[in-house]
Amino acid sequence: MKQNITLALDQKILKAARAFAAQRGTSISAMLSDELRMKIEQQMHYEQSKQIAFSMLNQAFPLGGQGIMIRDALHDRTALR
């Protein structure tokens, strides 16, 4: 269901918007509707991507290597002497 809204624009902007829409063979209403739809879709896609990225951050990435089981082994320098 479509619903009308009221939009207040400066006369210069309105005149330019009419010309802009006419060049594209559309109305100001259709042009603004399409632009708003695209912006909302972009925002939704961004939010979905952000959620995926955050969920990936919560997962451990296998980096190889071995864990050090004993804390003192981190500071053991006898092997270097």
PDB file of N, CA and C in Angstrom:
ATOM      1  N   MET A   1       0.844  -1.181   0.000  1.00  0.00           N
ATOM      2  CA  MET A   1       0.000   0.000   0.000  1.00  0.00           C
ATOM      3  C   MET A   1       0.884   1.237   0.000  1.00  0.00           C
ATOM      4  N   LYS A   2       0.654   2.119  -0.908  1.00  0.00           N
ATOM      5  CA  LYS A   2       1.414   3.357  -0.987  1.00  0.00           C
ATOM      6  C   LYS A   2       0.692   4.444  -0.215  1.00  0.00           C
ATOM      7  N   GLN A   3       1.504   5.356   0.338  1.00  0.00           N
ATOM      8  CA  GLN A   3       0.935   6.461   1.101  1.00  0.00           C
ATOM      9  C   GLN A   3       1.679   7.725   0.722  1.00  0.00           C
ATOM     10  N   ASN A   4       0.957   8.797   0.569  1.00  0.00           N
ATOM     11  CA  ASN A   4       1.563  10.083   0.216  1.00  0.00           C
ATOM     12  C   ASN A   4       2.164  10.742   1.444  1.00  0.00           C
ATOM     13  N   ILE A   5       3.220  11.534   1.199  1.00  0.00           N
ATOM     14  CA  ILE A   5       3.809  12.343   2.251  1.00  0.00           C
ATOM     15  C   ILE A   5       3.947  13.765   1.720  1.00  0.00           C
ATOM     16  N   THR A   6       4.125  14.702   2.621  1.00  0.00           N
ATOM     17  CA  THR A   6       4.359  16.091   2.233  1.00  0.00           C
ATOM     18  C   THR A   6       5.833  16.392   2.460  1.00  0.00           C
ATOM     19  N   LEU A   7       6.435  17.040   1.467  1.00  0.00           N
ATOM     20  CA  LEU A   7       7.852  17.366   1.535  1.00  0.00           C
ATOM     21  C   LEU A   7       8.015  18.844   1.232  1.00  0.00           C
ATOM     22  N   ALA A   8       8.674  19.562   2.102  1.00  0.00           N
ATOM     23  CA  ALA A   8       8.901  20.991   1.890  1.00  0.00           C
ATOM     24  C   ALA A   8      10.292  21.186   1.282  1.00  0.00           C
ATOM     25  N   LEU A   9      10.331  21.827   0.120  1.00  0.00           N
ATOM     26  CA  LEU A   9      11.588  22.081  -0.572  1.00  0.00           C
ATOM     27  C   LEU A   9      11.702  23.551  -0.950  1.00  0.00           C
ATOM     28  N   ASP A  10      12.915  24.020  -1.024  1.00  0.00           N
ATOM     29  CA  ASP A  10      13.184  25.351  -1.531  1.00  0.00           C
ATOM     30  C   ASP A  10      12.782  25.391  -3.007  1.00  0.00           C
ATOM     31  N   GLN A  11      12.313  26.536  -3.466  1.00  0.00           N
ATOM     32  CA  GLN A  11      11.829  26.653  -4.852  1.00  0.00           C
ATOM     33  C   GLN A  11      12.913  26.297  -5.862  1.00  0.00           C
ATOM     34  N   LYS A  12      14.158  26.703  -5.611  1.00  0.00           N
ATOM     35  CA  LYS A  12      15.246  26.397  -6.549  1.00  0.00           C
ATOM     36  C   LYS A  12      15.490  24.890  -6.627  1.00  0.00           C
ATOM     37  N   ILE A  13      15.449  24.237  -5.476  1.00  0.00           N
ATOM     38  CA  ILE A  13      15.648  22.784  -5.432  1.00  0.00           C
ATOM     39  C   ILE A  13      14.496  22.074  -6.141  1.00  0.00           C
ATOM     40  N   LEU A  14      13.285  22.544  -5.906  1.00  0.00           N
ATOM     41  CA  LEU A  14      12.118  21.931  -6.539  1.00  0.00           C
ATOM     42  C   LEU A  14      12.197  22.050  -8.059  1.00  0.00           C
ATOM     43  N   LYS A  15      12.569  23.222  -8.543  1.00  0.00           N
ATOM     44  CA  LYS A  15      12.686  23.438  -9.986  1.00  0.00           C
ATOM     45  C   LYS A  15      13.755  22.517 -10.579  1.00  0.00           C
ATOM     46  N   ALA A  16      14.896  22.419  -9.896  1.00  0.00           N
ATOM     47  CA  ALA A  16      15.981  21.549 -10.374  1.00  0.00           C
ATOM     48  C   ALA A  16      15.566  20.078 -10.308  1.00  0.00           C
ATOM     49  N   ALA A  17      14.827  19.708  -9.274  1.00  0.00           N
ATOM     50  CA  ALA A  17      14.373  18.325  -9.130  1.00  0.00           C
ATOM     51  C   ALA A  17      13.390  17.959 -10.231  1.00  0.00           C
ATOM     52  N   ARG A  18      12.508  18.875 -10.584  1.00  0.00           N
ATOM     53  CA  ARG A  18      11.559  18.627 -11.678  1.00  0.00           C
ATOM     54  C   ARG A  18      12.313  18.399 -12.987  1.00  0.00           C
ATOM     55  N   ALA A  19      13.307  19.243 -13.255  1.00  0.00           N
ATOM     56  CA  ALA A  19      14.094  19.103 -14.481  1.00  0.00           C
ATOM     57  C   ALA A  19      14.878  17.797 -14.468  1.00  0.00           C
ATOM     58  N   PHE A  20      15.457  17.486 -13.324  1.00  0.00           N
ATOM     59  CA  PHE A  20      16.239  16.259 -13.173  1.00  0.00           C
ATOM     60  C   PHE A  20      15.372  15.031 -13.430  1.00  0.00           C
ATOM     61  N   ALA A  21      14.186  15.013 -12.855  1.00  0.00           N
ATOM     62  CA  ALA A  21      13.263  13.885 -13.036  1.00  0.00           C
ATOM     63  C   ALA A  21      12.781  13.809 -14.483  1.00  0.00           C
ATOM     64  N   ALA A  22      12.484  14.956 -15.088  1.00  0.00           N
ATOM     65  CA  ALA A  22      12.004  14.979 -16.469  1.00  0.00           C
ATOM     66  C   ALA A  22      13.064  14.443 -17.430  1.00  0.00           C
ATOM     67  N   GLN A  23      14.323  14.766 -17.180  1.00  0.00           N
ATOM     68  CA  GLN A  23      15.406  14.256 -18.025  1.00  0.00           C
ATOM     69  C   GLN A  23      15.478  12.739 -17.981  1.00  0.00           C
ATOM     70  N   ARG A  24      15.062  12.178 -16.884  1.00  0.00           N
ATOM     71  CA  ARG A  24      15.106  10.724 -16.712  1.00  0.00           C
ATOM     72  C   ARG A  24      13.762  10.058 -17.006  1.00  0.00           C
ATOM     73  N   GLY A  25      12.793  10.862 -17.422  1.00  0.00           N
ATOM     74  CA  GLY A  25      11.488  10.323 -17.785  1.00  0.00           C
ATOM     75  C   GLY A  25      10.718   9.758 -16.611  1.00  0.00           C
ATOM     76  N   THR A  26      10.859  10.387 -15.460  1.00  0.00           N
ATOM     77  CA  THR A  26      10.164   9.905 -14.260  1.00  0.00           C
ATOM     78  C   THR A  26       9.617  11.100 -13.491  1.00  0.00           C
ATOM     79  N   SER A  27       8.965  10.837 -12.401  1.00  0.00           N
ATOM     80  CA  SER A  27       8.440  11.909 -11.552  1.00  0.00           C
ATOM     81  C   SER A  27       9.357  12.092 -10.341  1.00  0.00           C
ATOM     82  N   ILE A  28       9.218  13.221  -9.701  1.00  0.00           N
ATOM     83  CA  ILE A  28       9.982  13.459  -8.475  1.00  0.00           C
ATOM     84  C   ILE A  28       9.619  12.405  -7.438  1.00  0.00           C
ATOM     85  N   SER A  29       8.351  12.099  -7.344  1.00  0.00           N
ATOM     86  CA  SER A  29       7.889  11.109  -6.375  1.00  0.00           C
ATOM     87  C   SER A  29       8.543   9.751  -6.615  1.00  0.00           C
ATOM     88  N   ALA A  30       8.541   9.289  -7.873  1.00  0.00           N
ATOM     89  CA  ALA A  30       9.140   7.989  -8.196  1.00  0.00           C
ATOM     90  C   ALA A  30      10.651   8.018  -7.967  1.00  0.00           C
ATOM     91  N   MET A  31      11.270   9.134  -8.337  1.00  0.00           N
ATOM     92  CA  MET A  31      12.710   9.264  -8.165  1.00  0.00           C
ATOM     93  C   MET A  31      13.097   9.206  -6.679  1.00  0.00           C
ATOM     94  N   LEU A  32      12.386   9.938  -5.848  1.00  0.00           N
ATOM     95  CA  LEU A  32      12.668   9.927  -4.410  1.00  0.00           C
ATOM     96  C   LEU A  32      12.346   8.573  -3.787  1.00  0.00           C
ATOM     97  N   SER A  33      11.276   7.960  -4.236  1.00  0.00           N
ATOM     98  CA  SER A  33      10.900   6.644  -3.724  1.00  0.00           C
ATOM     99  C   SER A  33      11.987   5.615  -4.025  1.00  0.00           C
ATOM    100  N   ASP A  34      12.488   5.623  -5.268  1.00  0.00           N
ATOM    101  CA  ASP A  34      13.554   4.686  -5.642  1.00  0.00           C
ATOM    102  C   ASP A  34      14.823   4.946  -4.840  1.00  0.00           C
ATOM    103  N   GLU A  35      15.171   6.208  -4.663  1.00  0.00           N
ATOM    104  CA  GLU A  35      16.387   6.554  -3.924  1.00  0.00           C
ATOM    105  C   GLU A  35      16.274   6.121  -2.453  1.00  0.00           C
ATOM    106  N   LEU A  36      15.127   6.357  -1.840  1.00  0.00           N
ATOM    107  CA  LEU A  36      14.924   5.936  -0.451  1.00  0.00           C
ATOM    108  C   LEU A  36      14.971   4.419  -0.315  1.00  0.00           C
ATOM    109  N   ARG A  37      14.353   3.717  -1.269  1.00  0.00           N
ATOM    110  CA  ARG A  37      14.381   2.253  -1.248  1.00  0.00           C
ATOM    111  C   ARG A  37      15.816   1.745  -1.328  1.00  0.00           C
ATOM    112  N   MET A  38      16.612   2.333  -2.222  1.00  0.00           N
ATOM    113  CA  MET A  38      18.010   1.904  -2.351  1.00  0.00           C
ATOM    114  C   MET A  38      18.802   2.175  -1.074  1.00  0.00           C
ATOM    115  N   LYS A  39      18.583   3.326  -0.466  1.00  0.00           N
ATOM    116  CA  LYS A  39      19.289   3.660   0.777  1.00  0.00           C
ATOM    117  C   LYS A  39      18.925   2.687   1.894  1.00  0.00           C
ATOM    118  N   ILE A  40      17.652   2.352   1.990  1.00  0.00           N
ATOM    119  CA  ILE A  40      17.203   1.420   3.033  1.00  0.00           C
ATOM    120  C   ILE A  40      17.771   0.030   2.779  1.00  0.00           C
ATOM    121  N   GLU A  41      17.789  -0.409   1.516  1.00  0.00           N
ATOM    122  CA  GLU A  41      18.363  -1.718   1.184  1.00  0.00           C
ATOM    123  C   GLU A  41      19.857  -1.752   1.496  1.00  0.00           C
ATOM    124  N   GLN A  42      20.565  -0.666   1.191  1.00  0.00           N
ATOM    125  CA  GLN A  42      21.996  -0.591   1.504  1.00  0.00           C
ATOM    126  C   GLN A  42      22.217  -0.688   3.007  1.00  0.00           C
ATOM    127  N   GLN A  43      21.404   0.008   3.778  1.00  0.00           N
ATOM    128  CA  GLN A  43      21.541  -0.022   5.234  1.00  0.00           C
ATOM    129  C   GLN A  43      21.264  -1.422   5.779  1.00  0.00           C
ATOM    130  N   MET A  44      20.248  -2.088   5.239  1.00  0.00           N
ATOM    131  CA  MET A  44      19.931  -3.443   5.679  1.00  0.00           C
ATOM    132  C   MET A  44      21.081  -4.393   5.335  1.00  0.00           C
ATOM    133  N   HIS A  45      21.644  -4.256   4.139  1.00  0.00           N
ATOM    134  CA  HIS A  45      22.769  -5.096   3.719  1.00  0.00           C
ATOM    135  C   HIS A  45      23.979  -4.848   4.627  1.00  0.00           C
ATOM    136  N   TYR A  46      24.223  -3.575   4.951  1.00  0.00           N
ATOM    137  CA  TYR A  46      25.324  -3.230   5.850  1.00  0.00           C
ATOM    138  C   TYR A  46      25.124  -3.882   7.218  1.00  0.00           C
ATOM    139  N   GLU A  47      23.926  -3.794   7.757  1.00  0.00           N
ATOM    140  CA  GLU A  47      23.650  -4.378   9.073  1.00  0.00           C
ATOM    141  C   GLU A  47      23.827  -5.894   9.055  1.00  0.00           C
ATOM    142  N   GLN A  48      23.382  -6.546   7.980  1.00  0.00           N
ATOM    143  CA  GLN A  48      23.568  -8.001   7.858  1.00  0.00           C
ATOM    144  C   GLN A  48      25.053  -8.346   7.788  1.00  0.00           C
ATOM    145  N   SER A  49      25.802  -7.584   7.003  1.00  0.00           N
ATOM    146  CA  SER A  49      27.237  -7.831   6.872  1.00  0.00           C
ATOM    147  C   SER A  49      27.952  -7.608   8.203  1.00  0.00           C
ATOM    148  N   LYS A  50      27.527  -6.587   8.932  1.00  0.00           N
ATOM    149  CA  LYS A  50      28.126  -6.296  10.233  1.00  0.00           C
ATOM    150  C   LYS A  50      27.875  -7.441  11.208  1.00  0.00           C
ATOM    151  N   GLN A  51      26.662  -7.985  11.202  1.00  0.00           N
ATOM    152  CA  GLN A  51      26.345  -9.109  12.084  1.00  0.00           C
ATOM    153  C   GLN A  51      27.182 -10.338  11.740  1.00  0.00           C
ATOM    154  N   ILE A  52      27.368 -10.594  10.446  1.00  0.00           N
ATOM    155  CA  ILE A  52      28.199 -11.719  10.019  1.00  0.00           C
ATOM    156  C   ILE A  52      29.637 -11.511  10.478  1.00  0.00           C
ATOM    157  N   ALA A  53      30.149 -10.293  10.309  1.00  0.00           N
ATOM    158  CA  ALA A  53      31.523  -9.996  10.717  1.00  0.00           C
ATOM    159  C   ALA A  53      31.687 -10.163  12.225  1.00  0.00           C
ATOM    160  N   PHE A  54      30.730  -9.680  13.014  1.00  0.00           N
ATOM    161  CA  PHE A  54      30.816  -9.834  14.463  1.00  0.00           C
ATOM    162  C   PHE A  54      30.754 -11.302  14.874  1.00  0.00           C
ATOM    163  N   SER A  55      29.938 -12.085  14.199  1.00  0.00           N
ATOM    164  CA  SER A  55      29.867 -13.506  14.543  1.00  0.00           C
ATOM    165  C   SER A  55      31.174 -14.207  14.193  1.00  0.00           C
ATOM    166  N   MET A  56      31.828 -13.774  13.116  1.00  0.00           N
ATOM    167  CA  MET A  56      33.117 -14.359  12.760  1.00  0.00           C
ATOM    168  C   MET A  56      34.193 -13.995  13.782  1.00  0.00           C
ATOM    169  N   LEU A  57      34.100 -12.796  14.345  1.00  0.00           N
ATOM    170  CA  LEU A  57      35.074 -12.386  15.364  1.00  0.00           C
ATOM    171  C   LEU A  57      34.945 -13.220  16.628  1.00  0.00           C
ATOM    172  N   ASN A  58      33.760 -13.713  16.894  1.00  0.00           N
ATOM    173  CA  ASN A  58      33.539 -14.525  18.090  1.00  0.00           C
ATOM    174  C   ASN A  58      34.041 -15.954  17.932  1.00  0.00           C
ATOM    175  N   GLN A  59      34.388 -16.324  16.702  1.00  0.00           N
ATOM    176  CA  GLN A  59      34.908 -17.661  16.458  1.00  0.00           C
ATOM    177  C   GLN A  59      36.435 -17.614  16.453  1.00  0.00           C
ATOM    178  N   ALA A  60      37.049 -18.660  16.936  1.00  0.00           N
ATOM    179  CA  ALA A  60      38.506 -18.723  16.937  1.00  0.00           C
ATOM    180  C   ALA A  60      38.991 -19.097  15.539  1.00  0.00           C
ATOM    181  N   PHE A  61      40.025 -18.422  15.100  1.00  0.00           N
ATOM    182  CA  PHE A  61      40.642 -18.756  13.823  1.00  0.00           C
ATOM    183  C   PHE A  61      41.845 -19.644  14.093  1.00  0.00           C
ATOM    184  N   PRO A  62      41.955 -20.770  13.387  1.00  0.00           N
ATOM    185  CA  PRO A  62      43.117 -21.644  13.586  1.00  0.00           C
ATOM    186  C   PRO A  62      44.365 -20.988  12.993  1.00  0.00           C
ATOM    187  N   LEU A  63      45.290 -20.611  13.855  1.00  0.00           N
ATOM    188  CA  LEU A  63      46.500 -19.943  13.407  1.00  0.00           C
ATOM    189  C   LEU A  63      47.707 -20.856  13.457  1.00  0.00           C
ATOM    190  N   GLY A  64      47.489 -22.103  13.802  1.00  0.00           N
ATOM    191  CA  GLY A  64      48.616 -23.025  13.920  1.00  0.00           C
ATOM    192  C   GLY A  64      49.348 -22.760  15.228  1.00  0.00           C
ATOM    193  N   GLY A  65      50.577 -23.165  15.285  1.00  0.00           N
ATOM    194  CA  GLY A  65      51.363 -22.933  16.494  1.00  0.00           C
ATOM    195  C   GLY A  65      50.930 -23.840  17.623  1.00  0.00           C
ATOM    196  N   GLN A  66      51.667 -23.731  18.701  1.00  0.00           N
ATOM    197  CA  GLN A  66      51.372 -24.555  19.868  1.00  0.00           C
ATOM    198  C   GLN A  66      51.173 -23.654  21.074  1.00  0.00           C
ATOM    199  N   GLY A  67      50.261 -24.040  21.905  1.00  0.00           N
ATOM    200  CA  GLY A  67      50.043 -23.290  23.127  1.00  0.00           C
ATOM    201  C   GLY A  67      51.118 -23.601  24.147  1.00  0.00           C
ATOM    202  N   ILE A  68      51.430 -22.625  24.971  1.00  0.00           N
ATOM    203  CA  ILE A  68      52.401 -22.833  26.046  1.00  0.00           C
ATOM    204  C   ILE A  68      51.616 -23.171  27.300  1.00  0.00           C
ATOM    205  N   MET A  69      51.851 -24.361  27.815  1.00  0.00           N
ATOM    206  CA  MET A  69      51.068 -24.836  28.940  1.00  0.00           C
ATOM    207  C   MET A  69      51.548 -24.269  30.280  1.00  0.00           C
ATOM    208  N   ILE A  70      52.816 -23.971  30.376  1.00  0.00           N
ATOM    209  CA  ILE A  70      53.373 -23.509  31.644  1.00  0.00           C
ATOM    210  C   ILE A  70      53.790 -22.046  31.486  1.00  0.00           C
ATOM    211  N   ARG A  71      53.304 -21.183  32.360  1.00  0.00           N
ATOM    212  CA  ARG A  71      53.601 -19.757  32.282  1.00  0.00           C
ATOM    213  C   ARG A  71      55.086 -19.478  32.404  1.00  0.00           C
ATOM    214  N   ASP A  72      55.769 -20.212  33.263  1.00  0.00           N
ATOM    215  CA  ASP A  72      57.200 -19.992  33.460  1.00  0.00           C
ATOM    216  C   ASP A  72      58.002 -20.263  32.195  1.00  0.00           C
ATOM    217  N   ALA A  73      57.463 -21.091  31.301  1.00  0.00           N
ATOM    218  CA  ALA A  73      58.167 -21.388  30.055  1.00  0.00           C
ATOM    219  C   ALA A  73      58.271 -20.143  29.174  1.00  0.00           C
ATOM    220  N   LEU A  74      57.388 -19.198  29.364  1.00  0.00           N
ATOM    221  CA  LEU A  74      57.467 -17.947  28.608  1.00  0.00           C
ATOM    222  C   LEU A  74      58.702 -17.135  28.971  1.00  0.00           C
ATOM    223  N   HIS A  75      59.124 -17.243  30.219  1.00  0.00           N
ATOM    224  CA  HIS A  75      60.233 -16.438  30.721  1.00  0.00           C
ATOM    225  C   HIS A  75      61.518 -17.221  30.865  1.00  0.00           C
ATOM    226  N   ASP A  76      61.506 -18.462  30.444  1.00  0.00           N
ATOM    227  CA  ASP A  76      62.700 -19.322  30.549  1.00  0.00           C
ATOM    228  C   ASP A  76      63.699 -18.901  29.489  1.00  0.00           C
ATOM    229  N   ARG A  77      64.850 -18.394  29.952  1.00  0.00           N
ATOM    230  CA  ARG A  77      65.879 -17.950  29.018  1.00  0.00           C
ATOM    231  C   ARG A  77      67.115 -18.865  29.058  1.00  0.00           C
ATOM    232  N   THR A  78      67.012 -19.958  29.799  1.00  0.00           N
ATOM    233  CA  THR A  78      68.177 -20.859  29.898  1.00  0.00           C
ATOM    234  C   THR A  78      68.503 -21.476  28.559  1.00  0.00           C
ATOM    235  N   ALA A  79      67.535 -21.661  27.725  1.00  0.00           N
ATOM    236  CA  ALA A  79      67.774 -22.260  26.411  1.00  0.00           C
ATOM    237  C   ALA A  79      68.551 -21.299  25.514  1.00  0.00           C
ATOM    238  N   LEU A  80      68.494 -19.994  25.821  1.00  0.00           N
ATOM    239  CA  LEU A  80      69.189 -18.999  25.012  1.00  0.00           C
ATOM    240  C   LEU A  80      70.624 -18.762  25.493  1.00  0.00           C
ATOM    241  N   ARG A  81      71.001 -19.262  26.640  1.00  0.00           N
ATOM    242  CA  ARG A  81      72.348 -19.027  27.191  1.00  0.00           C
ATOM    243  C   ARG A  81      73.320 -20.043  26.727  1.00  0.00           C
TER     244      ARG A  81
END
